[in-house]
Amino acid sequence: MAKELGRTPMSVRQFTIRKRMTVGCTVKRNILQELLKTAFKHPEDFHPSKTFYKETGIGQKRFWTLYYGHKAVTQKEYYAVADYLGVTLEEAFASRQLNLFEEENP
């Protein structure tokens, strides 16, 4: 890809990191990002702080693994993030529900 773009491999990698693009295998449904969409219009605007990591009990490396969808979030982690963001349980459950009757736009 870097060769095709006329860039170095490191610059392409840095671009994907800056833009928070998901690379590699991901979970089927990333409910952490759906929860962040409930709290923020654009989830990429969320920048976790040391306080966030401390209060949720999720480490920095674990959070980004969950954010990018490389691993599935546990129920305990999901509730901790929802509580930190001030998302009510009803909103948290609503973001976890499957939308069976909504058509996906390709």
PDB file of N, CA and C in Angstrom:
ATOM      1  N   MET A   1       0.826  -1.178   0.000  1.00  0.00           N
ATOM      2  CA  MET A   1       0.000   0.000   0.000  1.00  0.00           C
ATOM      3  C   MET A   1       0.879   1.255   0.000  1.00  0.00           C
ATOM      4  N   ALA A   2       1.933   1.233   0.812  1.00  0.00           N
ATOM      5  CA  ALA A   2       2.820   2.387   0.893  1.00  0.00           C
ATOM      6  C   ALA A   2       3.470   2.681  -0.459  1.00  0.00           C
ATOM      7  N   LYS A   3       3.872   1.625  -1.136  1.00  0.00           N
ATOM      8  CA  LYS A   3       4.514   1.796  -2.442  1.00  0.00           C
ATOM      9  C   LYS A   3       3.543   2.419  -3.438  1.00  0.00           C
ATOM     10  N   GLU A   4       2.299   1.948  -3.409  1.00  0.00           N
ATOM     11  CA  GLU A   4       1.267   2.464  -4.318  1.00  0.00           C
ATOM     12  C   GLU A   4       0.977   3.945  -4.051  1.00  0.00           C
ATOM     13  N   LEU A   5       1.031   4.336  -2.772  1.00  0.00           N
ATOM     14  CA  LEU A   5       0.756   5.730  -2.392  1.00  0.00           C
ATOM     15  C   LEU A   5       1.980   6.632  -2.512  1.00  0.00           C
ATOM     16  N   GLY A   6       3.135   6.013  -2.705  1.00  0.00           N
ATOM     17  CA  GLY A   6       4.361   6.803  -2.784  1.00  0.00           C
ATOM     18  C   GLY A   6       4.793   7.323  -1.421  1.00  0.00           C
ATOM     19  N   ARG A   7       4.471   6.561  -0.374  1.00  0.00           N
ATOM     20  CA  ARG A   7       4.819   6.938   0.996  1.00  0.00           C
ATOM     21  C   ARG A   7       5.647   5.819   1.619  1.00  0.00           C
ATOM     22  N   THR A   8       6.212   6.099   2.778  1.00  0.00           N
ATOM     23  CA  THR A   8       6.952   5.053   3.484  1.00  0.00           C
ATOM     24  C   THR A   8       5.958   4.200   4.265  1.00  0.00           C
ATOM     25  N   PRO A   9       6.325   2.939   4.538  1.00  0.00           N
ATOM     26  CA  PRO A   9       5.439   2.085   5.337  1.00  0.00           C
ATOM     27  C   PRO A   9       5.123   2.693   6.703  1.00  0.00           C
ATOM     28  N   MET A  10       6.097   3.349   7.324  1.00  0.00           N
ATOM     29  CA  MET A  10       5.873   3.956   8.640  1.00  0.00           C
ATOM     30  C   MET A  10       4.861   5.102   8.554  1.00  0.00           C
ATOM     31  N   SER A  11       4.892   5.887   7.480  1.00  0.00           N
ATOM     32  CA  SER A  11       3.938   6.985   7.366  1.00  0.00           C
ATOM     33  C   SER A  11       2.514   6.459   7.189  1.00  0.00           C
ATOM     34  N   VAL A  12       2.363   5.347   6.469  1.00  0.00           N
ATOM     35  CA  VAL A  12       1.041   4.737   6.309  1.00  0.00           C
ATOM     36  C   VAL A  12       0.557   4.193   7.647  1.00  0.00           C
ATOM     37  N   ARG A  13       1.463   3.554   8.393  1.00  0.00           N
ATOM     38  CA  ARG A  13       1.097   3.030   9.715  1.00  0.00           C
ATOM     39  C   ARG A  13       0.697   4.161  10.659  1.00  0.00           C
ATOM     40  N   GLN A  14       1.445   5.247  10.665  1.00  0.00           N
ATOM     41  CA  GLN A  14       1.131   6.389  11.528  1.00  0.00           C
ATOM     42  C   GLN A  14      -0.211   7.010  11.150  1.00  0.00           C
ATOM     43  N   PHE A  15      -0.515   7.059   9.860  1.00  0.00           N
ATOM     44  CA  PHE A  15      -1.796   7.587   9.413  1.00  0.00           C
ATOM     45  C   PHE A  15      -2.949   6.754   9.957  1.00  0.00           C
ATOM     46  N   THR A  16      -2.813   5.421   9.882  1.00  0.00           N
ATOM     47  CA  THR A  16      -3.883   4.558  10.388  1.00  0.00           C
ATOM     48  C   THR A  16      -4.043   4.706  11.895  1.00  0.00           C
ATOM     49  N   ILE A  17      -2.952   4.923  12.596  1.00  0.00           N
ATOM     50  CA  ILE A  17      -3.029   5.116  14.047  1.00  0.00           C
ATOM     51  C   ILE A  17      -3.698   6.446  14.373  1.00  0.00           C
ATOM     52  N   ARG A  18      -3.282   7.531  13.687  1.00  0.00           N
ATOM     53  CA  ARG A  18      -3.866   8.857  13.933  1.00  0.00           C
ATOM     54  C   ARG A  18      -5.364   8.875  13.658  1.00  0.00           C
ATOM     55  N   LYS A  19      -5.777   8.203  12.596  1.00  0.00           N
ATOM     56  CA  LYS A  19      -7.189   8.189  12.200  1.00  0.00           C
ATOM     57  C   LYS A  19      -7.976   7.087  12.903  1.00  0.00           C
ATOM     58  N   ARG A  20      -7.289   6.332  13.784  1.00  0.00           N
ATOM     59  CA  ARG A  20      -7.897   5.238  14.544  1.00  0.00           C
ATOM     60  C   ARG A  20      -8.603   4.227  13.639  1.00  0.00           C
ATOM     61  N   MET A  21      -7.942   3.879  12.567  1.00  0.00           N
ATOM     62  CA  MET A  21      -8.479   2.891  11.633  1.00  0.00           C
ATOM     63  C   MET A  21      -8.200   1.499  12.168  1.00  0.00           C
ATOM     64  N   THR A  22      -9.135   0.609  12.008  1.00  0.00           N
ATOM     65  CA  THR A  22      -8.989  -0.756  12.482  1.00  0.00           C
ATOM     66  C   THR A  22      -8.239  -1.571  11.443  1.00  0.00           C
ATOM     67  N   VAL A  23      -7.197  -2.246  11.900  1.00  0.00           N
ATOM     68  CA  VAL A  23      -6.394  -3.085  11.026  1.00  0.00           C
ATOM     69  C   VAL A  23      -6.360  -4.474  11.632  1.00  0.00           C
ATOM     70  N   GLY A  24      -6.574  -5.489  10.837  1.00  0.00           N
ATOM     71  CA  GLY A  24      -6.507  -6.861  11.318  1.00  0.00           C
ATOM     72  C   GLY A  24      -7.872  -7.422  11.659  1.00  0.00           C
ATOM     73  N   CYS A  25      -7.874  -8.553  12.369  1.00  0.00           N
ATOM     74  CA  CYS A  25      -9.099  -9.242  12.739  1.00  0.00           C
ATOM     75  C   CYS A  25      -9.851  -8.457  13.809  1.00  0.00           C
ATOM     76  N   THR A  26     -11.162  -8.429  13.684  1.00  0.00           N
ATOM     77  CA  THR A  26     -11.986  -7.725  14.660  1.00  0.00           C
ATOM     78  C   THR A  26     -13.140  -8.618  15.100  1.00  0.00           C
ATOM     79  N   VAL A  27     -13.759  -8.230  16.229  1.00  0.00           N
ATOM     80  CA  VAL A  27     -14.929  -8.965  16.699  1.00  0.00           C
ATOM     81  C   VAL A  27     -16.093  -8.697  15.750  1.00  0.00           C
ATOM     82  N   LYS A  28     -17.086  -9.563  15.823  1.00  0.00           N
ATOM     83  CA  LYS A  28     -18.228  -9.439  14.917  1.00  0.00           C
ATOM     84  C   LYS A  28     -18.967  -8.126  15.119  1.00  0.00           C
ATOM     85  N   ARG A  29     -19.126  -7.730  16.381  1.00  0.00           N
ATOM     86  CA  ARG A  29     -19.877  -6.511  16.700  1.00  0.00           C
ATOM     87  C   ARG A  29     -19.167  -5.803  17.844  1.00  0.00           C
ATOM     88  N   ASN A  30     -18.700  -4.587  17.608  1.00  0.00           N
ATOM     89  CA  ASN A  30     -17.946  -3.848  18.617  1.00  0.00           C
ATOM     90  C   ASN A  30     -18.910  -3.012  19.455  1.00  0.00           C
ATOM     91  N   ILE A  31     -19.368  -3.577  20.582  1.00  0.00           N
ATOM     92  CA  ILE A  31     -20.362  -2.880  21.407  1.00  0.00           C
ATOM     93  C   ILE A  31     -19.744  -1.743  22.206  1.00  0.00           C
ATOM     94  N   LEU A  32     -18.418  -1.745  22.384  1.00  0.00           N
ATOM     95  CA  LEU A  32     -17.783  -0.613  23.067  1.00  0.00           C
ATOM     96  C   LEU A  32     -17.903   0.640  22.208  1.00  0.00           C
ATOM     97  N   GLN A  33     -17.677   0.519  20.916  1.00  0.00           N
ATOM     98  CA  GLN A  33     -17.822   1.686  20.044  1.00  0.00           C
ATOM     99  C   GLN A  33     -19.280   2.132  19.971  1.00  0.00           C
ATOM    100  N   GLU A  34     -20.203   1.196  20.026  1.00  0.00           N
ATOM    101  CA  GLU A  34     -21.619   1.557  20.027  1.00  0.00           C
ATOM    102  C   GLU A  34     -21.973   2.320  21.298  1.00  0.00           C
ATOM    103  N   LEU A  35     -21.391   1.931  22.423  1.00  0.00           N
ATOM    104  CA  LEU A  35     -21.600   2.646  23.681  1.00  0.00           C
ATOM    105  C   LEU A  35     -21.011   4.049  23.595  1.00  0.00           C
ATOM    106  N   LEU A  36     -19.831   4.167  23.013  1.00  0.00           N
ATOM    107  CA  LEU A  36     -19.217   5.485  22.857  1.00  0.00           C
ATOM    108  C   LEU A  36     -20.052   6.379  21.934  1.00  0.00           C
ATOM    109  N   LYS A  37     -20.691   5.780  20.924  1.00  0.00           N
ATOM    110  CA  LYS A  37     -21.567   6.555  20.039  1.00  0.00           C
ATOM    111  C   LYS A  37     -22.793   7.067  20.786  1.00  0.00           C
ATOM    112  N   THR A  38     -23.211   6.356  21.834  1.00  0.00           N
ATOM    113  CA  THR A  38     -24.329   6.799  22.659  1.00  0.00           C
ATOM    114  C   THR A  38     -23.939   8.053  23.435  1.00  0.00           C
ATOM    115  N   ALA A  39     -22.698   8.089  23.919  1.00  0.00           N
ATOM    116  CA  ALA A  39     -22.241   9.212  24.743  1.00  0.00           C
ATOM    117  C   ALA A  39     -21.684  10.364  23.907  1.00  0.00           C
ATOM    118  N   PHE A  40     -21.115  10.068  22.761  1.00  0.00           N
ATOM    119  CA  PHE A  40     -20.502  11.088  21.905  1.00  0.00           C
ATOM    120  C   PHE A  40     -21.048  10.968  20.496  1.00  0.00           C
ATOM    121  N   LYS A  41     -21.212  12.102  19.847  1.00  0.00           N
ATOM    122  CA  LYS A  41     -21.668  12.081  18.460  1.00  0.00           C
ATOM    123  C   LYS A  41     -20.614  11.393  17.583  1.00  0.00           C
ATOM    124  N   HIS A  42     -19.363  11.683  17.861  1.00  0.00           N
ATOM    125  CA  HIS A  42     -18.247  11.061  17.141  1.00  0.00           C
ATOM    126  C   HIS A  42     -17.362  10.356  18.164  1.00  0.00           C
ATOM    127  N   PRO A  43     -17.381   9.024  18.227  1.00  0.00           N
ATOM    128  CA  PRO A  43     -16.603   8.304  19.239  1.00  0.00           C
ATOM    129  C   PRO A  43     -15.103   8.554  19.142  1.00  0.00           C
ATOM    130  N   GLU A  44     -14.624   8.955  17.966  1.00  0.00           N
ATOM    131  CA  GLU A  44     -13.196   9.231  17.833  1.00  0.00           C
ATOM    132  C   GLU A  44     -12.784  10.487  18.609  1.00  0.00           C
ATOM    133  N   ASP A  45     -13.769  11.282  19.059  1.00  0.00           N
ATOM    134  CA  ASP A  45     -13.473  12.459  19.872  1.00  0.00           C
ATOM    135  C   ASP A  45     -13.147  12.100  21.318  1.00  0.00           C
ATOM    136  N   PHE A  46     -13.440  10.868  21.727  1.00  0.00           N
ATOM    137  CA  PHE A  46     -13.182  10.446  23.097  1.00  0.00           C
ATOM    138  C   PHE A  46     -11.704  10.125  23.266  1.00  0.00           C
ATOM    139  N   HIS A  47     -11.079  10.794  24.224  1.00  0.00           N
ATOM    140  CA  HIS A  47      -9.673  10.552  24.539  1.00  0.00           C
ATOM    141  C   HIS A  47      -9.590  10.160  26.010  1.00  0.00           C
ATOM    142  N   PRO A  48      -9.399   8.867  26.299  1.00  0.00           N
ATOM    143  CA  PRO A  48      -9.369   8.426  27.696  1.00  0.00           C
ATOM    144  C   PRO A  48      -8.182   9.021  28.454  1.00  0.00           C
ATOM    145  N   SER A  49      -8.435   9.326  29.709  1.00  0.00           N
ATOM    146  CA  SER A  49      -7.400   9.900  30.569  1.00  0.00           C
ATOM    147  C   SER A  49      -6.960   8.865  31.602  1.00  0.00           C
ATOM    148  N   LYS A  50      -5.962   9.239  32.402  1.00  0.00           N
ATOM    149  CA  LYS A  50      -5.514   8.343  33.474  1.00  0.00           C
ATOM    150  C   LYS A  50      -6.646   8.087  34.454  1.00  0.00           C
ATOM    151  N   THR A  51      -7.470   9.103  34.690  1.00  0.00           N
ATOM    152  CA  THR A  51      -8.623   8.950  35.579  1.00  0.00           C
ATOM    153  C   THR A  51      -9.590   7.910  35.030  1.00  0.00           C
ATOM    154  N   PHE A  52      -9.823   7.938  33.732  1.00  0.00           N
ATOM    155  CA  PHE A  52     -10.703   6.955  33.088  1.00  0.00           C
ATOM    156  C   PHE A  52     -10.183   5.542  33.333  1.00  0.00           C
ATOM    157  N   TYR A  53      -8.887   5.336  33.070  1.00  0.00           N
ATOM    158  CA  TYR A  53      -8.302   4.008  33.238  1.00  0.00           C
ATOM    159  C   TYR A  53      -8.394   3.542  34.687  1.00  0.00           C
ATOM    160  N   LYS A  54      -8.152   4.465  35.606  1.00  0.00           N
ATOM    161  CA  LYS A  54      -8.173   4.122  37.028  1.00  0.00           C
ATOM    162  C   LYS A  54      -9.593   3.790  37.493  1.00  0.00           C
ATOM    163  N   GLU A  55     -10.573   4.613  37.113  1.00  0.00           N
ATOM    164  CA  GLU A  55     -11.948   4.407  37.579  1.00  0.00           C
ATOM    165  C   GLU A  55     -12.637   3.210  36.939  1.00  0.00           C
ATOM    166  N   THR A  56     -12.287   2.893  35.714  1.00  0.00           N
ATOM    167  CA  THR A  56     -12.915   1.749  35.047  1.00  0.00           C
ATOM    168  C   THR A  56     -12.180   0.445  35.328  1.00  0.00           C
ATOM    169  N   GLY A  57     -10.926   0.546  35.730  1.00  0.00           N
ATOM    170  CA  GLY A  57     -10.139  -0.660  35.980  1.00  0.00           C
ATOM    171  C   GLY A  57      -9.666  -1.328  34.701  1.00  0.00           C
ATOM    172  N   ILE A  58      -9.702  -0.593  33.605  1.00  0.00           N
ATOM    173  CA  ILE A  58      -9.244  -1.105  32.319  1.00  0.00           C
ATOM    174  C   ILE A  58      -7.913  -0.433  32.007  1.00  0.00           C
ATOM    175  N   GLY A  59      -6.912  -1.218  31.686  1.00  0.00           N
ATOM    176  CA  GLY A  59      -5.604  -0.666  31.342  1.00  0.00           C
ATOM    177  C   GLY A  59      -5.628  -0.021  29.967  1.00  0.00           C
ATOM    178  N   GLN A  60      -4.628   0.784  29.712  1.00  0.00           N
ATOM    179  CA  GLN A  60      -4.549   1.502  28.440  1.00  0.00           C
ATOM    180  C   GLN A  60      -4.471   0.540  27.256  1.00  0.00           C
ATOM    181  N   LYS A  61      -3.617  -0.453  27.362  1.00  0.00           N
ATOM    182  CA  LYS A  61      -3.459  -1.411  26.261  1.00  0.00           C
ATOM    183  C   LYS A  61      -4.754  -2.197  26.046  1.00  0.00           C
ATOM    184  N   ARG A  62      -5.390  -2.610  27.140  1.00  0.00           N
ATOM    185  CA  ARG A  62      -6.643  -3.360  27.041  1.00  0.00           C
ATOM    186  C   ARG A  62      -7.738  -2.501  26.399  1.00  0.00           C
ATOM    187  N   PHE A  63      -7.815  -1.211  26.798  1.00  0.00           N
ATOM    188  CA  PHE A  63      -8.849  -0.344  26.239  1.00  0.00           C
ATOM    189  C   PHE A  63      -8.724  -0.245  24.726  1.00  0.00           C
ATOM    190  N   TRP A  64      -7.518  -0.009  24.229  1.00  0.00           N
ATOM    191  CA  TRP A  64      -7.360   0.149  22.780  1.00  0.00           C
ATOM    192  C   TRP A  64      -7.560  -1.170  22.048  1.00  0.00           C
ATOM    193  N   THR A  65      -7.272  -2.280  22.699  1.00  0.00           N
ATOM    194  CA  THR A  65      -7.572  -3.586  22.116  1.00  0.00           C
ATOM    195  C   THR A  65      -9.081  -3.733  21.955  1.00  0.00           C
ATOM    196  N   LEU A  66      -9.836  -3.280  22.965  1.00  0.00           N
ATOM    197  CA  LEU A  66     -11.294  -3.335  22.902  1.00  0.00           C
ATOM    198  C   LEU A  66     -11.842  -2.322  21.898  1.00  0.00           C
ATOM    199  N   TYR A  67     -11.289  -1.123  21.901  1.00  0.00           N
ATOM    200  CA  TYR A  67     -11.761  -0.055  21.014  1.00  0.00           C
ATOM    201  C   TYR A  67     -11.657  -0.468  19.550  1.00  0.00           C
ATOM    202  N   TYR A  68     -10.519  -1.049  19.192  1.00  0.00           N
ATOM    203  CA  TYR A  68     -10.324  -1.468  17.809  1.00  0.00           C
ATOM    204  C   TYR A  68     -11.028  -2.783  17.484  1.00  0.00           C
ATOM    205  N   GLY A  69     -11.605  -3.434  18.487  1.00  0.00           N
ATOM    206  CA  GLY A  69     -12.367  -4.643  18.246  1.00  0.00           C
ATOM    207  C   GLY A  69     -11.538  -5.894  18.103  1.00  0.00           C
ATOM    208  N   HIS A  70     -10.296  -5.862  18.566  1.00  0.00           N
ATOM    209  CA  HIS A  70      -9.460  -7.058  18.483  1.00  0.00           C
ATOM    210  C   HIS A  70      -9.905  -8.117  19.489  1.00  0.00           C
ATOM    211  N   LYS A  71     -10.527  -7.689  20.579  1.00  0.00           N
ATOM    212  CA  LYS A  71     -11.089  -8.605  21.569  1.00  0.00           C
ATOM    213  C   LYS A  71     -12.453  -8.074  21.993  1.00  0.00           C
ATOM    214  N   ALA A  72     -13.289  -8.964  22.508  1.00  0.00           N
ATOM    215  CA  ALA A  72     -14.634  -8.580  22.938  1.00  0.00           C
ATOM    216  C   ALA A  72     -14.583  -8.009  24.357  1.00  0.00           C
ATOM    217  N   VAL A  73     -15.399  -7.003  24.600  1.00  0.00           N
ATOM    218  CA  VAL A  73     -15.472  -6.373  25.919  1.00  0.00           C
ATOM    219  C   VAL A  73     -16.271  -7.274  26.858  1.00  0.00           C
ATOM    220  N   THR A  74     -15.841  -7.364  28.123  1.00  0.00           N
ATOM    221  CA  THR A  74     -16.577  -8.155  29.104  1.00  0.00           C
ATOM    222  C   THR A  74     -17.730  -7.326  29.661  1.00  0.00           C
ATOM    223  N   GLN A  75     -18.659  -8.002  30.301  1.00  0.00           N
ATOM    224  CA  GLN A  75     -19.812  -7.309  30.877  1.00  0.00           C
ATOM    225  C   GLN A  75     -19.368  -6.312  31.953  1.00  0.00           C
ATOM    226  N   LYS A  76     -18.420  -6.706  32.777  1.00  0.00           N
ATOM    227  CA  LYS A  76     -17.910  -5.836  33.840  1.00  0.00           C
ATOM    228  C   LYS A  76     -17.277  -4.575  33.250  1.00  0.00           C
ATOM    229  N   GLU A  77     -16.472  -4.742  32.203  1.00  0.00           N
ATOM    230  CA  GLU A  77     -15.828  -3.599  31.549  1.00  0.00           C
ATOM    231  C   GLU A  77     -16.866  -2.690  30.898  1.00  0.00           C
ATOM    232  N   TYR A  78     -17.860  -3.302  30.278  1.00  0.00           N
ATOM    233  CA  TYR A  78     -18.916  -2.536  29.607  1.00  0.00           C
ATOM    234  C   TYR A  78     -19.659  -1.661  30.602  1.00  0.00           C
ATOM    235  N   TYR A  79     -20.036  -2.226  31.744  1.00  0.00           N
ATOM    236  CA  TYR A  79     -20.757  -1.455  32.758  1.00  0.00           C
ATOM    237  C   TYR A  79     -19.874  -0.378  33.371  1.00  0.00           C
ATOM    238  N   ALA A  80     -18.579  -0.668  33.553  1.00  0.00           N
ATOM    239  CA  ALA A  80     -17.662   0.325  34.110  1.00  0.00           C
ATOM    240  C   ALA A  80     -17.520   1.532  33.186  1.00  0.00           C
ATOM    241  N   VAL A  81     -17.419   1.293  31.881  1.00  0.00           N
ATOM    242  CA  VAL A  81     -17.312   2.390  30.917  1.00  0.00           C
ATOM    243  C   VAL A  81     -18.624   3.164  30.860  1.00  0.00           C
ATOM    244  N   ALA A  82     -19.754   2.467  30.860  1.00  0.00           N
ATOM    245  CA  ALA A  82     -21.062   3.131  30.833  1.00  0.00           C
ATOM    246  C   ALA A  82     -21.236   4.020  32.061  1.00  0.00           C
ATOM    247  N   ASP A  83     -20.840   3.521  33.218  1.00  0.00           N
ATOM    248  CA  ASP A  83     -20.936   4.294  34.454  1.00  0.00           C
ATOM    249  C   ASP A  83     -20.034   5.518  34.381  1.00  0.00           C
ATOM    250  N   TYR A  84     -18.823   5.367  33.892  1.00  0.00           N
ATOM    251  CA  TYR A  84     -17.885   6.487  33.794  1.00  0.00           C
ATOM    252  C   TYR A  84     -18.410   7.568  32.847  1.00  0.00           C
ATOM    253  N   LEU A  85     -18.990   7.151  31.734  1.00  0.00           N
ATOM    254  CA  LEU A  85     -19.494   8.104  30.742  1.00  0.00           C
ATOM    255  C   LEU A  85     -20.827   8.722  31.128  1.00  0.00           C
ATOM    256  N   GLY A  86     -21.452   8.204  32.181  1.00  0.00           N
ATOM    257  CA  GLY A  86     -22.741   8.730  32.604  1.00  0.00           C
ATOM    258  C   GLY A  86     -23.890   8.261  31.738  1.00  0.00           C
ATOM    259  N   VAL A  87     -23.717   7.132  31.087  1.00  0.00           N
ATOM    260  CA  VAL A  87     -24.764   6.551  30.256  1.00  0.00           C
ATOM    261  C   VAL A  87     -25.665   5.732  31.174  1.00  0.00           C
ATOM    262  N   THR A  88     -26.973   5.953  31.086  1.00  0.00           N
ATOM    263  CA  THR A  88     -27.900   5.210  31.938  1.00  0.00           C
ATOM    264  C   THR A  88     -27.939   3.745  31.512  1.00  0.00           C
ATOM    265  N   LEU A  89     -28.417   2.908  32.412  1.00  0.00           N
ATOM    266  CA  LEU A  89     -28.503   1.481  32.082  1.00  0.00           C
ATOM    267  C   LEU A  89     -29.425   1.235  30.897  1.00  0.00           C
ATOM    268  N   GLU A  90     -30.506   2.016  30.802  1.00  0.00           N
ATOM    269  CA  GLU A  90     -31.426   1.853  29.671  1.00  0.00           C
ATOM    270  C   GLU A  90     -30.714   2.152  28.351  1.00  0.00           C
ATOM    271  N   GLU A  91     -29.929   3.242  28.330  1.00  0.00           N
ATOM    272  CA  GLU A  91     -29.193   3.590  27.115  1.00  0.00           C
ATOM    273  C   GLU A  91     -28.118   2.542  26.810  1.00  0.00           C
ATOM    274  N   ALA A  92     -27.476   2.046  27.858  1.00  0.00           N
ATOM    275  CA  ALA A  92     -26.442   1.021  27.675  1.00  0.00           C
ATOM    276  C   ALA A  92     -27.048  -0.258  27.106  1.00  0.00           C
ATOM    277  N   PHE A  93     -28.199  -0.661  27.645  1.00  0.00           N
ATOM    278  CA  PHE A  93     -28.859  -1.860  27.114  1.00  0.00           C
ATOM    279  C   PHE A  93     -29.348  -1.631  25.693  1.00  0.00           C
ATOM    280  N   ALA A  94     -29.852  -0.436  25.411  1.00  0.00           N
ATOM    281  CA  ALA A  94     -30.341  -0.138  24.066  1.00  0.00           C
ATOM    282  C   ALA A  94     -29.214  -0.215  23.042  1.00  0.00           C
ATOM    283  N   SER A  95     -28.008   0.216  23.406  1.00  0.00           N
ATOM    284  CA  SER A  95     -26.897   0.166  22.459  1.00  0.00           C
ATOM    285  C   SER A  95     -26.414  -1.265  22.226  1.00  0.00           C
ATOM    286  N   ARG A  96     -26.731  -2.180  23.157  1.00  0.00           N
ATOM    287  CA  ARG A  96     -26.333  -3.588  23.007  1.00  0.00           C
ATOM    288  C   ARG A  96     -27.342  -4.397  22.207  1.00  0.00           C
ATOM    289  N   GLN A  97     -28.564  -3.887  22.059  1.00  0.00           N
ATOM    290  CA  GLN A  97     -29.613  -4.648  21.388  1.00  0.00           C
ATOM    291  C   GLN A  97     -29.318  -4.794  19.907  1.00  0.00           C
ATOM    292  N   LEU A  98     -29.724  -5.914  19.372  1.00  0.00           N
ATOM    293  CA  LEU A  98     -29.602  -6.136  17.936  1.00  0.00           C
ATOM    294  C   LEU A  98     -30.722  -5.419  17.216  1.00  0.00           C
ATOM    295  N   ASN A  99     -30.417  -4.819  16.124  1.00  0.00           N
ATOM    296  CA  ASN A  99     -31.430  -4.173  15.303  1.00  0.00           C
ATOM    297  C   ASN A  99     -31.819  -5.125  14.189  1.00  0.00           C
ATOM    298  N   LEU A 100     -32.728  -6.042  14.506  1.00  0.00           N
ATOM    299  CA  LEU A 100     -33.088  -7.087  13.559  1.00  0.00           C
ATOM    300  C   LEU A 100     -33.861  -6.582  12.359  1.00  0.00           C
ATOM    301  N   PHE A 101     -34.640  -5.539  12.572  1.00  0.00           N
ATOM    302  CA  PHE A 101     -35.530  -5.094  11.514  1.00  0.00           C
ATOM    303  C   PHE A 101     -35.026  -3.874  10.752  1.00  0.00           C
ATOM    304  N   GLU A 102     -33.878  -3.385  11.130  1.00  0.00           N
ATOM    305  CA  GLU A 102     -33.309  -2.276  10.378  1.00  0.00           C
ATOM    306  C   GLU A 102     -32.437  -2.820   9.275  1.00  0.00           C
ATOM    307  N   GLU A 103     -32.594  -2.266   8.096  1.00  0.00           N
ATOM    308  CA  GLU A 103     -31.783  -2.708   6.970  1.00  0.00           C
ATOM    309  C   GLU A 103     -30.433  -2.032   7.037  1.00  0.00           C
ATOM    310  N   GLU A 104     -29.393  -2.776   6.737  1.00  0.00           N
ATOM    311  CA  GLU A 104     -28.066  -2.210   6.702  1.00  0.00           C
ATOM    312  C   GLU A 104     -27.847  -1.552   5.366  1.00  0.00           C
ATOM    313  N   ASN A 105     -27.285  -0.345   5.397  1.00  0.00           N
ATOM    314  CA  ASN A 105     -26.972   0.353   4.159  1.00  0.00           C
ATOM    315  C   ASN A 105     -25.550   0.021   3.755  1.00  0.00           C
ATOM    316  N   PRO A 106     -25.386  -0.572   2.603  1.00  0.00           N
ATOM    317  CA  PRO A 106     -24.034  -0.952   2.151  1.00  0.00           C
ATOM    318  C   PRO A 106     -23.182   0.262   1.805  1.00  0.00           C
TER     319      PRO A 106
END
